[in-house]
mmCIF file of all heavy atoms, coordinates in Angstrom:
data_MODEL
# 
_entry.id   MODEL 
# 
loop_
_atom_site.group_PDB 
_atom_site.id 
_atom_site.type_symbol 
_atom_site.label_atom_id 
_atom_site.label_alt_id 
_atom_site.label_comp_id 
_atom_site.label_asym_id 
_atom_site.label_entity_id 
_atom_site.label_seq_id 
_atom_site.pdbx_PDB_ins_code 
_atom_site.Cartn_x 
_atom_site.Cartn_y 
_atom_site.Cartn_z 
_atom_site.occupancy 
_atom_site.B_iso_or_equiv 
_atom_site.pdbx_formal_charge 
_atom_site.auth_seq_id 
_atom_site.auth_comp_id 
_atom_site.auth_asym_id 
_atom_site.auth_atom_id 
_atom_site.pdbx_PDB_model_num 
ATOM 1   N N   . MET A 1 1  ? 2.959   2.083   3.720  1.00 0.00 ? 1  MET A N   1 
ATOM 2   C CA  . MET A 1 1  ? 4.380   2.575   3.795  1.00 0.00 ? 1  MET A CA  1 
ATOM 3   C C   . MET A 1 1  ? 5.271   1.838   2.717  1.00 0.00 ? 1  MET A C   1 
ATOM 4   O O   . MET A 1 1  ? 6.162   2.425   2.071  1.00 0.00 ? 1  MET A O   1 
ATOM 5   C CB  . MET A 1 1  ? 4.961   2.248   5.116  1.00 0.00 ? 1  MET A CB  1 
ATOM 6   C CG  . MET A 1 1  ? 6.440   2.639   5.354  1.00 0.00 ? 1  MET A CG  1 
ATOM 7   S SD  . MET A 1 1  ? 6.746   4.519   4.952  1.00 0.00 ? 1  MET A SD  1 
ATOM 8   C CE  . MET A 1 1  ? 5.646   5.331   6.045  1.00 0.00 ? 1  MET A CE  1 
ATOM 9   N N   . MET A 1 2  ? 4.981   0.480   2.514  1.00 0.00 ? 2  MET A N   1 
ATOM 10  C CA  . MET A 1 2  ? 5.633   -0.214  1.447  1.00 0.00 ? 2  MET A CA  1 
ATOM 11  C C   . MET A 1 2  ? 5.434   0.449   0.085  1.00 0.00 ? 2  MET A C   1 
ATOM 12  O O   . MET A 1 2  ? 6.232   0.654   -0.762 1.00 0.00 ? 2  MET A O   1 
ATOM 13  C CB  . MET A 1 2  ? 5.249   -1.672  1.506  1.00 0.00 ? 2  MET A CB  1 
ATOM 14  C CG  . MET A 1 2  ? 5.891   -2.413  2.765  1.00 0.00 ? 2  MET A CG  1 
ATOM 15  S SD  . MET A 1 2  ? 7.745   -2.626  2.630  1.00 0.00 ? 2  MET A SD  1 
ATOM 16  C CE  . MET A 1 2  ? 7.797   -3.755  1.129  1.00 0.00 ? 2  MET A CE  1 
ATOM 17  N N   . GLN A 1 3  ? 4.226   0.824   -0.031 1.00 0.00 ? 3  GLN A N   1 
ATOM 18  C CA  . GLN A 1 3  ? 3.695   1.493   -1.287 1.00 0.00 ? 3  GLN A CA  1 
ATOM 19  C C   . GLN A 1 3  ? 4.403   2.754   -1.542 1.00 0.00 ? 3  GLN A C   1 
ATOM 20  O O   . GLN A 1 3  ? 4.863   3.141   -2.670 1.00 0.00 ? 3  GLN A O   1 
ATOM 21  C CB  . GLN A 1 3  ? 2.199   1.680   -1.240 1.00 0.00 ? 3  GLN A CB  1 
ATOM 22  C CG  . GLN A 1 3  ? 1.666   2.340   -2.469 1.00 0.00 ? 3  GLN A CG  1 
ATOM 23  C CD  . GLN A 1 3  ? 0.085   2.563   -2.349 1.00 0.00 ? 3  GLN A CD  1 
ATOM 24  O OE1 . GLN A 1 3  ? -0.593  1.851   -1.571 1.00 0.00 ? 3  GLN A OE1 1 
ATOM 25  N NE2 . GLN A 1 3  ? -0.319  3.713   -2.888 1.00 0.00 ? 3  GLN A NE2 1 
ATOM 26  N N   . MET A 1 4  ? 4.564   3.532   -0.545 1.00 0.00 ? 4  MET A N   1 
ATOM 27  C CA  . MET A 1 4  ? 5.237   4.833   -0.495 1.00 0.00 ? 4  MET A CA  1 
ATOM 28  C C   . MET A 1 4  ? 6.677   4.653   -0.902 1.00 0.00 ? 4  MET A C   1 
ATOM 29  O O   . MET A 1 4  ? 7.190   5.388   -1.724 1.00 0.00 ? 4  MET A O   1 
ATOM 30  C CB  . MET A 1 4  ? 5.046   5.581   0.745  1.00 0.00 ? 4  MET A CB  1 
ATOM 31  C CG  . MET A 1 4  ? 3.666   5.998   1.125  1.00 0.00 ? 4  MET A CG  1 
ATOM 32  S SD  . MET A 1 4  ? 3.512   6.762   2.698  1.00 0.00 ? 4  MET A SD  1 
ATOM 33  C CE  . MET A 1 4  ? 4.545   8.338   2.403  1.00 0.00 ? 4  MET A CE  1 
ATOM 34  N N   . LEU A 1 5  ? 7.339   3.734   -0.294 1.00 0.00 ? 5  LEU A N   1 
ATOM 35  C CA  . LEU A 1 5  ? 8.693   3.499   -0.426 1.00 0.00 ? 5  LEU A CA  1 
ATOM 36  C C   . LEU A 1 5  ? 9.050   3.081   -1.954 1.00 0.00 ? 5  LEU A C   1 
ATOM 37  O O   . LEU A 1 5  ? 9.954   3.514   -2.576 1.00 0.00 ? 5  LEU A O   1 
ATOM 38  C CB  . LEU A 1 5  ? 9.384   2.400   0.461  1.00 0.00 ? 5  LEU A CB  1 
ATOM 39  C CG  . LEU A 1 5  ? 9.374   2.879   1.967  1.00 0.00 ? 5  LEU A CG  1 
ATOM 40  C CD1 . LEU A 1 5  ? 9.846   1.594   2.820  1.00 0.00 ? 5  LEU A CD1 1 
ATOM 41  C CD2 . LEU A 1 5  ? 10.330  4.033   2.170  1.00 0.00 ? 5  LEU A CD2 1 
ATOM 42  N N   . ALA A 1 6  ? 8.120   2.121   -2.411 1.00 0.00 ? 6  ALA A N   1 
ATOM 43  C CA  . ALA A 1 6  ? 8.283   1.753   -3.816 1.00 0.00 ? 6  ALA A CA  1 
ATOM 44  C C   . ALA A 1 6  ? 8.107   2.853   -4.757 1.00 0.00 ? 6  ALA A C   1 
ATOM 45  O O   . ALA A 1 6  ? 8.848   3.057   -5.758 1.00 0.00 ? 6  ALA A O   1 
ATOM 46  C CB  . ALA A 1 6  ? 7.107   0.636   -4.133 1.00 0.00 ? 6  ALA A CB  1 
ATOM 47  N N   . ALA A 1 7  ? 7.084   3.705   -4.480 1.00 0.00 ? 7  ALA A N   1 
ATOM 48  C CA  . ALA A 1 7  ? 6.883   4.891   -5.330 1.00 0.00 ? 7  ALA A CA  1 
ATOM 49  C C   . ALA A 1 7  ? 8.013   5.884   -5.256 1.00 0.00 ? 7  ALA A C   1 
ATOM 50  O O   . ALA A 1 7  ? 8.333   6.533   -6.321 1.00 0.00 ? 7  ALA A O   1 
ATOM 51  C CB  . ALA A 1 7  ? 5.552   5.623   -4.905 1.00 0.00 ? 7  ALA A CB  1 
ATOM 52  N N   . GLY A 1 8  ? 8.685   5.837   -4.124 1.00 0.00 ? 8  GLY A N   1 
ATOM 53  C CA  . GLY A 1 8  ? 9.852   6.731   -3.947 1.00 0.00 ? 8  GLY A CA  1 
ATOM 54  C C   . GLY A 1 8  ? 11.162  6.281   -4.662 1.00 0.00 ? 8  GLY A C   1 
ATOM 55  O O   . GLY A 1 8  ? 12.030  7.034   -4.834 1.00 0.00 ? 8  GLY A O   1 
ATOM 56  N N   . GLY A 1 9  ? 11.123  4.985   -5.030 1.00 0.00 ? 9  GLY A N   1 
ATOM 57  C CA  . GLY A 1 9  ? 12.279  4.450   -5.625 1.00 0.00 ? 9  GLY A CA  1 
ATOM 58  C C   . GLY A 1 9  ? 13.113  3.391   -5.030 1.00 0.00 ? 9  GLY A C   1 
ATOM 59  O O   . GLY A 1 9  ? 14.136  2.983   -5.605 1.00 0.00 ? 9  GLY A O   1 
ATOM 60  N N   . LEU A 1 10 ? 12.602  2.945   -3.855 1.00 0.00 ? 10 LEU A N   1 
ATOM 61  C CA  . LEU A 1 10 ? 13.195  1.893   -3.185 1.00 0.00 ? 10 LEU A CA  1 
ATOM 62  C C   . LEU A 1 10 ? 12.513  0.484   -3.617 1.00 0.00 ? 10 LEU A C   1 
ATOM 63  O O   . LEU A 1 10 ? 11.380  0.401   -3.363 1.00 0.00 ? 10 LEU A O   1 
ATOM 64  C CB  . LEU A 1 10 ? 13.160  2.088   -1.675 1.00 0.00 ? 10 LEU A CB  1 
ATOM 65  C CG  . LEU A 1 10 ? 13.825  0.970   -0.772 1.00 0.00 ? 10 LEU A CG  1 
ATOM 66  C CD1 . LEU A 1 10 ? 15.294  0.900   -1.100 1.00 0.00 ? 10 LEU A CD1 1 
ATOM 67  C CD2 . LEU A 1 10 ? 13.689  1.379   0.683  1.00 0.00 ? 10 LEU A CD2 1 
ATOM 68  N N   . THR A 1 11 ? 13.282  -0.292  -4.111 1.00 0.00 ? 11 THR A N   1 
ATOM 69  C CA  . THR A 1 11 ? 12.769  -1.640  -4.551 1.00 0.00 ? 11 THR A CA  1 
ATOM 70  C C   . THR A 1 11 ? 12.136  -2.434  -3.424 1.00 0.00 ? 11 THR A C   1 
ATOM 71  O O   . THR A 1 11 ? 12.803  -2.745  -2.442 1.00 0.00 ? 11 THR A O   1 
ATOM 72  C CB  . THR A 1 11 ? 13.797  -2.440  -5.180 1.00 0.00 ? 11 THR A CB  1 
ATOM 73  O OG1 . THR A 1 11 ? 14.435  -1.664  -6.297 1.00 0.00 ? 11 THR A OG1 1 
ATOM 74  C CG2 . THR A 1 11 ? 13.226  -3.812  -5.801 1.00 0.00 ? 11 THR A CG2 1 
ATOM 75  N N   . PRO A 1 12 ? 10.809  -2.820  -3.417 1.00 0.00 ? 12 PRO A N   1 
ATOM 76  C CA  . PRO A 1 12 ? 10.272  -3.650  -2.410 1.00 0.00 ? 12 PRO A CA  1 
ATOM 77  C C   . PRO A 1 12 ? 10.530  -5.152  -2.718 1.00 0.00 ? 12 PRO A C   1 
ATOM 78  O O   . PRO A 1 12 ? 10.627  -5.625  -3.871 1.00 0.00 ? 12 PRO A O   1 
ATOM 79  C CB  . PRO A 1 12 ? 8.776   -3.405  -2.558 1.00 0.00 ? 12 PRO A CB  1 
ATOM 80  C CG  . PRO A 1 12 ? 8.514   -3.127  -4.051 1.00 0.00 ? 12 PRO A CG  1 
ATOM 81  C CD  . PRO A 1 12 ? 9.849   -2.434  -4.611 1.00 0.00 ? 12 PRO A CD  1 
ATOM 82  N N   . LEU A 1 13 ? 10.829  -5.910  -1.628 1.00 0.00 ? 13 LEU A N   1 
ATOM 83  C CA  . LEU A 1 13 ? 11.050  -7.460  -1.726 1.00 0.00 ? 13 LEU A CA  1 
ATOM 84  C C   . LEU A 1 13 ? 9.573   -7.898  -1.643 1.00 0.00 ? 13 LEU A C   1 
ATOM 85  O O   . LEU A 1 13 ? 9.061   -8.075  -0.499 1.00 0.00 ? 13 LEU A O   1 
ATOM 86  C CB  . LEU A 1 13 ? 11.983  -7.981  -0.751 1.00 0.00 ? 13 LEU A CB  1 
ATOM 87  C CG  . LEU A 1 13 ? 12.168  -9.370  -0.735 1.00 0.00 ? 13 LEU A CG  1 
ATOM 88  C CD1 . LEU A 1 13 ? 12.770  -9.933  -2.172 1.00 0.00 ? 13 LEU A CD1 1 
ATOM 89  C CD2 . LEU A 1 13 ? 13.137  -9.843  0.321  1.00 0.00 ? 13 LEU A CD2 1 
ATOM 90  N N   . THR A 1 14 ? 8.973   -8.441  -2.659 1.00 0.00 ? 14 THR A N   1 
ATOM 91  C CA  . THR A 1 14 ? 7.608   -9.016  -2.790 1.00 0.00 ? 14 THR A CA  1 
ATOM 92  C C   . THR A 1 14 ? 7.583   -10.158 -3.682 1.00 0.00 ? 14 THR A C   1 
ATOM 93  O O   . THR A 1 14 ? 8.499   -10.190 -4.429 1.00 0.00 ? 14 THR A O   1 
ATOM 94  C CB  . THR A 1 14 ? 6.545   -7.914  -3.145 1.00 0.00 ? 14 THR A CB  1 
ATOM 95  O OG1 . THR A 1 14 ? 6.808   -7.485  -4.521 1.00 0.00 ? 14 THR A OG1 1 
ATOM 96  C CG2 . THR A 1 14 ? 6.583   -6.675  -2.161 1.00 0.00 ? 14 THR A CG2 1 
ATOM 97  N N   . ASP A 1 15 ? 6.525   -10.919 -3.567 1.00 0.00 ? 15 ASP A N   1 
ATOM 98  C CA  . ASP A 1 15 ? 6.390   -12.085 -4.490 1.00 0.00 ? 15 ASP A CA  1 
ATOM 99  C C   . ASP A 1 15 ? 5.096   -12.121 -5.186 1.00 0.00 ? 15 ASP A C   1 
ATOM 100 O O   . ASP A 1 15 ? 4.814   -12.913 -5.963 1.00 0.00 ? 15 ASP A O   1 
ATOM 101 C CB  . ASP A 1 15 ? 6.681   -13.420 -3.806 1.00 0.00 ? 15 ASP A CB  1 
ATOM 102 C CG  . ASP A 1 15 ? 5.891   -13.583 -2.489 1.00 0.00 ? 15 ASP A CG  1 
ATOM 103 O OD1 . ASP A 1 15 ? 4.847   -12.944 -2.386 1.00 0.00 ? 15 ASP A OD1 1 
ATOM 104 O OD2 . ASP A 1 15 ? 6.246   -14.362 -1.623 1.00 0.00 ? 15 ASP A OD2 1 
ATOM 105 N N   . GLY A 1 16 ? 4.216   -11.234 -4.829 1.00 0.00 ? 16 GLY A N   1 
ATOM 106 C CA  . GLY A 1 16 ? 2.902   -11.157 -5.422 1.00 0.00 ? 16 GLY A CA  1 
ATOM 107 C C   . GLY A 1 16 ? 1.918   -12.275 -5.136 1.00 0.00 ? 16 GLY A C   1 
ATOM 108 O O   . GLY A 1 16 ? 0.842   -12.472 -5.717 1.00 0.00 ? 16 GLY A O   1 
ATOM 109 N N   . VAL A 1 17 ? 2.266   -13.196 -4.102 1.00 0.00 ? 17 VAL A N   1 
ATOM 110 C CA  . VAL A 1 17 ? 1.453   -14.242 -3.759 1.00 0.00 ? 17 VAL A CA  1 
ATOM 111 C C   . VAL A 1 17 ? 0.067   -13.768 -3.148 1.00 0.00 ? 17 VAL A C   1 
ATOM 112 O O   . VAL A 1 17 ? -0.970  -14.268 -3.513 1.00 0.00 ? 17 VAL A O   1 
ATOM 113 C CB  . VAL A 1 17 ? 2.101   -15.181 -2.780 1.00 0.00 ? 17 VAL A CB  1 
ATOM 114 C CG1 . VAL A 1 17 ? 1.209   -16.278 -2.254 1.00 0.00 ? 17 VAL A CG1 1 
ATOM 115 C CG2 . VAL A 1 17 ? 3.317   -15.898 -3.402 1.00 0.00 ? 17 VAL A CG2 1 
ATOM 116 N N   . ARG A 1 18 ? 0.150   -12.747 -2.270 1.00 0.00 ? 18 ARG A N   1 
ATOM 117 C CA  . ARG A 1 18 ? -1.028  -12.205 -1.733 1.00 0.00 ? 18 ARG A CA  1 
ATOM 118 C C   . ARG A 1 18 ? -1.494  -11.141 -2.579 1.00 0.00 ? 18 ARG A C   1 
ATOM 119 O O   . ARG A 1 18 ? -0.811  -9.959  -2.598 1.00 0.00 ? 18 ARG A O   1 
ATOM 120 C CB  . ARG A 1 18 ? -0.830  -11.748 -0.258 1.00 0.00 ? 18 ARG A CB  1 
ATOM 121 C CG  . ARG A 1 18 ? -2.095  -11.400 0.439  1.00 0.00 ? 18 ARG A CG  1 
ATOM 122 C CD  . ARG A 1 18 ? -1.885  -11.096 1.962  1.00 0.00 ? 18 ARG A CD  1 
ATOM 123 N NE  . ARG A 1 18 ? -3.119  -10.944 2.547  1.00 0.00 ? 18 ARG A NE  1 
ATOM 124 C CZ  . ARG A 1 18 ? -3.310  -10.539 3.880  1.00 0.00 ? 18 ARG A CZ  1 
ATOM 125 N NH1 . ARG A 1 18 ? -2.159  -10.515 4.646  1.00 0.00 ? 18 ARG A NH1 1 
ATOM 126 N NH2 . ARG A 1 18 ? -4.460  -10.345 4.402  1.00 0.00 ? 18 ARG A NH2 1 
ATOM 127 N N   . VAL A 1 19 ? -2.505  -11.173 -3.262 1.00 0.00 ? 19 VAL A N   1 
ATOM 128 C CA  . VAL A 1 19 ? -2.949  -10.161 -4.163 1.00 0.00 ? 19 VAL A CA  1 
ATOM 129 C C   . VAL A 1 19 ? -3.892  -9.192  -3.479 1.00 0.00 ? 19 VAL A C   1 
ATOM 130 O O   . VAL A 1 19 ? -4.353  -9.312  -2.331 1.00 0.00 ? 19 VAL A O   1 
ATOM 131 C CB  . VAL A 1 19 ? -3.687  -10.745 -5.345 1.00 0.00 ? 19 VAL A CB  1 
ATOM 132 C CG1 . VAL A 1 19 ? -2.760  -11.782 -6.096 1.00 0.00 ? 19 VAL A CG1 1 
ATOM 133 C CG2 . VAL A 1 19 ? -4.958  -11.447 -4.878 1.00 0.00 ? 19 VAL A CG2 1 
ATOM 134 N N   . SER A 1 20 ? -4.076  -8.051  -4.199 1.00 0.00 ? 20 SER A N   1 
ATOM 135 C CA  . SER A 1 20 ? -4.793  -7.012  -3.581 1.00 0.00 ? 20 SER A CA  1 
ATOM 136 C C   . SER A 1 20 ? -6.376  -7.462  -3.371 1.00 0.00 ? 20 SER A C   1 
ATOM 137 O O   . SER A 1 20 ? -6.803  -8.279  -4.197 1.00 0.00 ? 20 SER A O   1 
ATOM 138 C CB  . SER A 1 20 ? -4.830  -5.710  -4.574 1.00 0.00 ? 20 SER A CB  1 
ATOM 139 O OG  . SER A 1 20 ? -5.296  -6.011  -5.730 1.00 0.00 ? 20 SER A OG  1 
ATOM 140 N N   . ASP A 1 21 ? -7.026  -6.836  -2.456 1.00 0.00 ? 21 ASP A N   1 
ATOM 141 C CA  . ASP A 1 21 ? -8.415  -7.206  -2.320 1.00 0.00 ? 21 ASP A CA  1 
ATOM 142 C C   . ASP A 1 21 ? -9.162  -6.035  -1.714 1.00 0.00 ? 21 ASP A C   1 
ATOM 143 O O   . ASP A 1 21 ? -8.596  -4.921  -1.636 1.00 0.00 ? 21 ASP A O   1 
ATOM 144 C CB  . ASP A 1 21 ? -8.622  -8.470  -1.357 1.00 0.00 ? 21 ASP A CB  1 
ATOM 145 C CG  . ASP A 1 21 ? -7.958  -8.305  0.028  1.00 0.00 ? 21 ASP A CG  1 
ATOM 146 O OD1 . ASP A 1 21 ? -7.799  -7.172  0.514  1.00 0.00 ? 21 ASP A OD1 1 
ATOM 147 O OD2 . ASP A 1 21 ? -7.516  -9.258  0.609  1.00 0.00 ? 21 ASP A OD2 1 
ATOM 148 N N   . ILE A 1 22 ? -10.368 -6.218  -1.255 1.00 0.00 ? 22 ILE A N   1 
ATOM 149 C CA  . ILE A 1 22 ? -11.131 -5.078  -0.748 1.00 0.00 ? 22 ILE A CA  1 
ATOM 150 C C   . ILE A 1 22 ? -10.625 -4.364  0.566  1.00 0.00 ? 22 ILE A C   1 
ATOM 151 O O   . ILE A 1 22 ? -10.708 -3.265  0.736  1.00 0.00 ? 22 ILE A O   1 
ATOM 152 C CB  . ILE A 1 22 ? -12.614 -5.563  -0.504 1.00 0.00 ? 22 ILE A CB  1 
ATOM 153 C CG1 . ILE A 1 22 ? -13.515 -4.352  -0.201 1.00 0.00 ? 22 ILE A CG1 1 
ATOM 154 C CG2 . ILE A 1 22 ? -12.671 -6.519  0.701  1.00 0.00 ? 22 ILE A CG2 1 
ATOM 155 C CD1 . ILE A 1 22 ? -14.988 -4.621  -0.063 1.00 0.00 ? 22 ILE A CD1 1 
ATOM 156 N N   . ASN A 1 23 ? -9.741  -5.216  1.192  1.00 0.00 ? 23 ASN A N   1 
ATOM 157 C CA  . ASN A 1 23 ? -9.106  -4.686  2.420  1.00 0.00 ? 23 ASN A CA  1 
ATOM 158 C C   . ASN A 1 23 ? -7.878  -3.831  2.077  1.00 0.00 ? 23 ASN A C   1 
ATOM 159 O O   . ASN A 1 23 ? -7.783  -2.880  2.848  1.00 0.00 ? 23 ASN A O   1 
ATOM 160 C CB  . ASN A 1 23 ? -8.907  -5.808  3.391  1.00 0.00 ? 23 ASN A CB  1 
ATOM 161 C CG  . ASN A 1 23 ? -10.081 -6.524  3.822  1.00 0.00 ? 23 ASN A CG  1 
ATOM 162 O OD1 . ASN A 1 23 ? -10.855 -6.077  4.513  1.00 0.00 ? 23 ASN A OD1 1 
ATOM 163 N ND2 . ASN A 1 23 ? -10.170 -7.739  3.524  1.00 0.00 ? 23 ASN A ND2 1 
ATOM 164 N N   . ASN A 1 24 ? -7.142  -4.316  1.078  1.00 0.00 ? 24 ASN A N   1 
ATOM 165 C CA  . ASN A 1 24 ? -5.975  -3.520  0.633  1.00 0.00 ? 24 ASN A CA  1 
ATOM 166 C C   . ASN A 1 24 ? -6.021  -3.454  -0.825 1.00 0.00 ? 24 ASN A C   1 
ATOM 167 O O   . ASN A 1 24 ? -5.415  -4.239  -1.577 1.00 0.00 ? 24 ASN A O   1 
ATOM 168 C CB  . ASN A 1 24 ? -4.689  -4.279  1.086  1.00 0.00 ? 24 ASN A CB  1 
ATOM 169 C CG  . ASN A 1 24 ? -4.188  -3.765  2.401  1.00 0.00 ? 24 ASN A CG  1 
ATOM 170 O OD1 . ASN A 1 24 ? -4.945  -3.233  3.294  1.00 0.00 ? 24 ASN A OD1 1 
ATOM 171 N ND2 . ASN A 1 24 ? -2.817  -3.987  2.649  1.00 0.00 ? 24 ASN A ND2 1 
# 
């Protein structure tokens, strides 16, 4: 859902500390 909102144009509040992995 966060990914969808970001793609739709709503800025996500994230810090990139937890990076993508096999689970996400």
